[in-house]
Amino acid sequence: MYYAETMAERMVNCVKLGRELPGLDEVPFDSELGQKIYDNVSKIAWAQWAEHLKMIINEYRLNPATLQAQEMIVKQMEAYFFGEGAAPPPEYVAPGS
């Protein structure tokens, strides 16, 4: 009989959600911030960030290919995970409101 080895999921104490949860499978990007996110952010919080990022891109009409937009996204990401939290744009109206 063949028994497949299962790897235990890597756990992190999620800085955003305040509890131990499965961590990301790999560093999201090659930088000090990417490593910090890998070490401290859960898969759930990363998925929540992805949704928040969509709102930021749409509301600010960002083109992620530009350096200016990338710098803004990084600042928003740092605030979202490790700062005061990222607030929605001032004019943002949540869907269904």
C-alpha atoms as a PDB file:
ATOM      1  CA  MET A   1       0.000   0.000   0.000  1.00  0.00           C
ATOM      2  CA  TYR A   2       1.081   3.539  -0.756  1.00  0.00           C
ATOM      3  CA  TYR A   3       0.766   6.179   1.908  1.00  0.00           C
ATOM      4  CA  ALA A   4       1.158   9.773   0.800  1.00  0.00           C
ATOM      5  CA  GLU A   5       3.025  11.934   3.223  1.00  0.00           C
ATOM      6  CA  THR A   6       1.134  15.043   4.122  1.00  0.00           C
ATOM      7  CA  MET A   7       3.039  18.155   5.022  1.00  0.00           C
ATOM      8  CA  ALA A   8       1.776  19.965   8.035  1.00  0.00           C
ATOM      9  CA  GLU A   9       0.552  23.407   7.120  1.00  0.00           C
ATOM     10  CA  ARG A  10       2.842  26.235   8.220  1.00  0.00           C
ATOM     11  CA  MET A  11       1.176  28.238  10.980  1.00  0.00           C
ATOM     12  CA  VAL A  12       1.696  31.907  11.825  1.00  0.00           C
ATOM     13  CA  ASN A  13       0.451  34.133  14.593  1.00  0.00           C
ATOM     14  CA  CYS A  14      -1.493  36.419  12.253  1.00  0.00           C
ATOM     15  CA  VAL A  15      -0.805  40.075  12.966  1.00  0.00           C
ATOM     16  CA  LYS A  16      -4.085  41.118  11.312  1.00  0.00           C
ATOM     17  CA  LEU A  17      -6.486  38.569  12.822  1.00  0.00           C
ATOM     18  CA  GLY A  18      -4.733  38.078  16.167  1.00  0.00           C
ATOM     19  CA  ARG A  19      -4.639  34.293  16.231  1.00  0.00           C
ATOM     20  CA  GLU A  20      -2.646  31.332  14.956  1.00  0.00           C
ATOM     21  CA  LEU A  21      -3.708  30.418  11.429  1.00  0.00           C
ATOM     22  CA  PRO A  22      -2.225  28.759   8.330  1.00  0.00           C
ATOM     23  CA  GLY A  23       0.426  30.978   6.757  1.00  0.00           C
ATOM     24  CA  LEU A  24       1.183  31.755   3.138  1.00  0.00           C
ATOM     25  CA  ASP A  25       2.822  29.016   1.084  1.00  0.00           C
ATOM     26  CA  GLU A  26       5.553  31.335  -0.181  1.00  0.00           C
ATOM     27  CA  VAL A  27       6.925  34.834   0.233  1.00  0.00           C
ATOM     28  CA  PRO A  28       4.555  37.091  -1.775  1.00  0.00           C
ATOM     29  CA  PHE A  29       7.363  39.240  -3.201  1.00  0.00           C
ATOM     30  CA  ASP A  30      11.114  39.559  -2.836  1.00  0.00           C
ATOM     31  CA  SER A  31      11.644  42.317  -0.294  1.00  0.00           C
ATOM     32  CA  GLU A  32      11.886  42.889   3.436  1.00  0.00           C
ATOM     33  CA  LEU A  33       8.134  43.628   3.500  1.00  0.00           C
ATOM     34  CA  GLY A  34       7.420  40.420   1.573  1.00  0.00           C
ATOM     35  CA  GLN A  35       9.328  38.402   4.172  1.00  0.00           C
ATOM     36  CA  LYS A  36       7.586  40.217   7.023  1.00  0.00           C
ATOM     37  CA  ILE A  37       4.208  39.389   5.482  1.00  0.00           C
ATOM     38  CA  TYR A  38       5.224  35.742   5.006  1.00  0.00           C
ATOM     39  CA  ASP A  39       6.268  35.524   8.665  1.00  0.00           C
ATOM     40  CA  ASN A  40       3.253  37.324  10.162  1.00  0.00           C
ATOM     41  CA  VAL A  41       0.201  37.166   7.874  1.00  0.00           C
ATOM     42  CA  SER A  42      -2.228  34.285   7.443  1.00  0.00           C
ATOM     43  CA  LYS A  43      -3.734  33.062   4.179  1.00  0.00           C
ATOM     44  CA  ILE A  44      -7.104  34.399   5.343  1.00  0.00           C
ATOM     45  CA  ALA A  45      -5.754  37.896   6.039  1.00  0.00           C
ATOM     46  CA  TRP A  46      -3.892  37.876   2.698  1.00  0.00           C
ATOM     47  CA  ALA A  47      -7.151  37.038   0.891  1.00  0.00           C
ATOM     48  CA  GLN A  48      -8.866  39.891   2.743  1.00  0.00           C
ATOM     49  CA  TRP A  49      -6.056  42.215   1.651  1.00  0.00           C
ATOM     50  CA  ALA A  50      -6.549  41.131  -1.976  1.00  0.00           C
ATOM     51  CA  GLU A  51     -10.202  42.202  -1.769  1.00  0.00           C
ATOM     52  CA  HIS A  52      -9.256  45.495  -0.107  1.00  0.00           C
ATOM     53  CA  LEU A  53      -6.631  46.081  -2.795  1.00  0.00           C
ATOM     54  CA  LYS A  54      -9.239  45.698  -5.552  1.00  0.00           C
ATOM     55  CA  MET A  55     -11.255  48.463  -3.905  1.00  0.00           C
ATOM     56  CA  ILE A  56      -8.180  50.707  -3.630  1.00  0.00           C
ATOM     57  CA  ILE A  57      -7.244  50.179  -7.278  1.00  0.00           C
ATOM     58  CA  ASN A  58     -10.788  50.891  -8.452  1.00  0.00           C
ATOM     59  CA  GLU A  59     -11.539  53.844  -6.195  1.00  0.00           C
ATOM     60  CA  TYR A  60      -8.231  55.603  -6.845  1.00  0.00           C
ATOM     61  CA  ARG A  61      -8.238  54.482 -10.489  1.00  0.00           C
ATOM     62  CA  LEU A  62      -4.707  53.167 -10.122  1.00  0.00           C
ATOM     63  CA  ASN A  63      -2.671  51.601 -12.880  1.00  0.00           C
ATOM     64  CA  PRO A  64      -0.569  49.013 -10.983  1.00  0.00           C
ATOM     65  CA  ALA A  65       2.005  49.104 -13.786  1.00  0.00           C
ATOM     66  CA  THR A  66       3.114  52.603 -12.761  1.00  0.00           C
ATOM     67  CA  LEU A  67       5.731  53.247 -10.103  1.00  0.00           C
ATOM     68  CA  GLN A  68       3.495  55.822  -8.388  1.00  0.00           C
ATOM     69  CA  ALA A  69       0.648  53.298  -8.026  1.00  0.00           C
ATOM     70  CA  GLN A  70       3.029  50.585  -6.811  1.00  0.00           C
ATOM     71  CA  GLU A  71       4.410  52.895  -4.136  1.00  0.00           C
ATOM     72  CA  MET A  72       0.895  53.774  -2.981  1.00  0.00           C
ATOM     73  CA  ILE A  73      -0.086  50.086  -2.880  1.00  0.00           C
ATOM     74  CA  VAL A  74       2.970  49.233  -0.760  1.00  0.00           C
ATOM     75  CA  LYS A  75       2.144  52.060   1.688  1.00  0.00           C
ATOM     76  CA  GLN A  76      -1.465  50.884   1.903  1.00  0.00           C
ATOM     77  CA  MET A  77      -0.301  47.284   2.439  1.00  0.00           C
ATOM     78  CA  GLU A  78       2.067  48.269   5.248  1.00  0.00           C
ATOM     79  CA  ALA A  79      -0.711  50.239   6.944  1.00  0.00           C
ATOM     80  CA  TYR A  80      -3.221  47.414   6.446  1.00  0.00           C
ATOM     81  CA  PHE A  81      -1.049  44.771   8.101  1.00  0.00           C
ATOM     82  CA  PHE A  82       1.386  46.601  10.373  1.00  0.00           C
ATOM     83  CA  GLY A  83       0.097  50.131  10.906  1.00  0.00           C
ATOM     84  CA  GLU A  84      -3.116  51.869  11.771  1.00  0.00           C
ATOM     85  CA  GLY A  85      -5.020  49.896   9.159  1.00  0.00           C
ATOM     86  CA  ALA A  86      -5.873  51.043   5.683  1.00  0.00           C
ATOM     87  CA  ALA A  87      -8.948  53.209   5.461  1.00  0.00           C
ATOM     88  CA  PRO A  88     -11.054  53.224   2.326  1.00  0.00           C
ATOM     89  CA  PRO A  89     -10.811  56.312   0.107  1.00  0.00           C
ATOM     90  CA  PRO A  90     -12.839  59.281   1.426  1.00  0.00           C
ATOM     91  CA  GLU A  91     -15.504  59.023  -1.317  1.00  0.00           C
ATOM     92  CA  TYR A  92     -15.857  55.226  -1.071  1.00  0.00           C
ATOM     93  CA  VAL A  93     -19.398  53.881  -0.714  1.00  0.00           C
ATOM     94  CA  ALA A  94     -19.616  50.183   0.141  1.00  0.00           C
ATOM     95  CA  PRO A  95     -21.653  48.049  -2.289  1.00  0.00           C
ATOM     96  CA  GLY A  96     -25.284  47.810  -1.177  1.00  0.00           C
ATOM     97  CA  SER A  97     -25.095  51.004   0.895  1.00  0.00           C
END
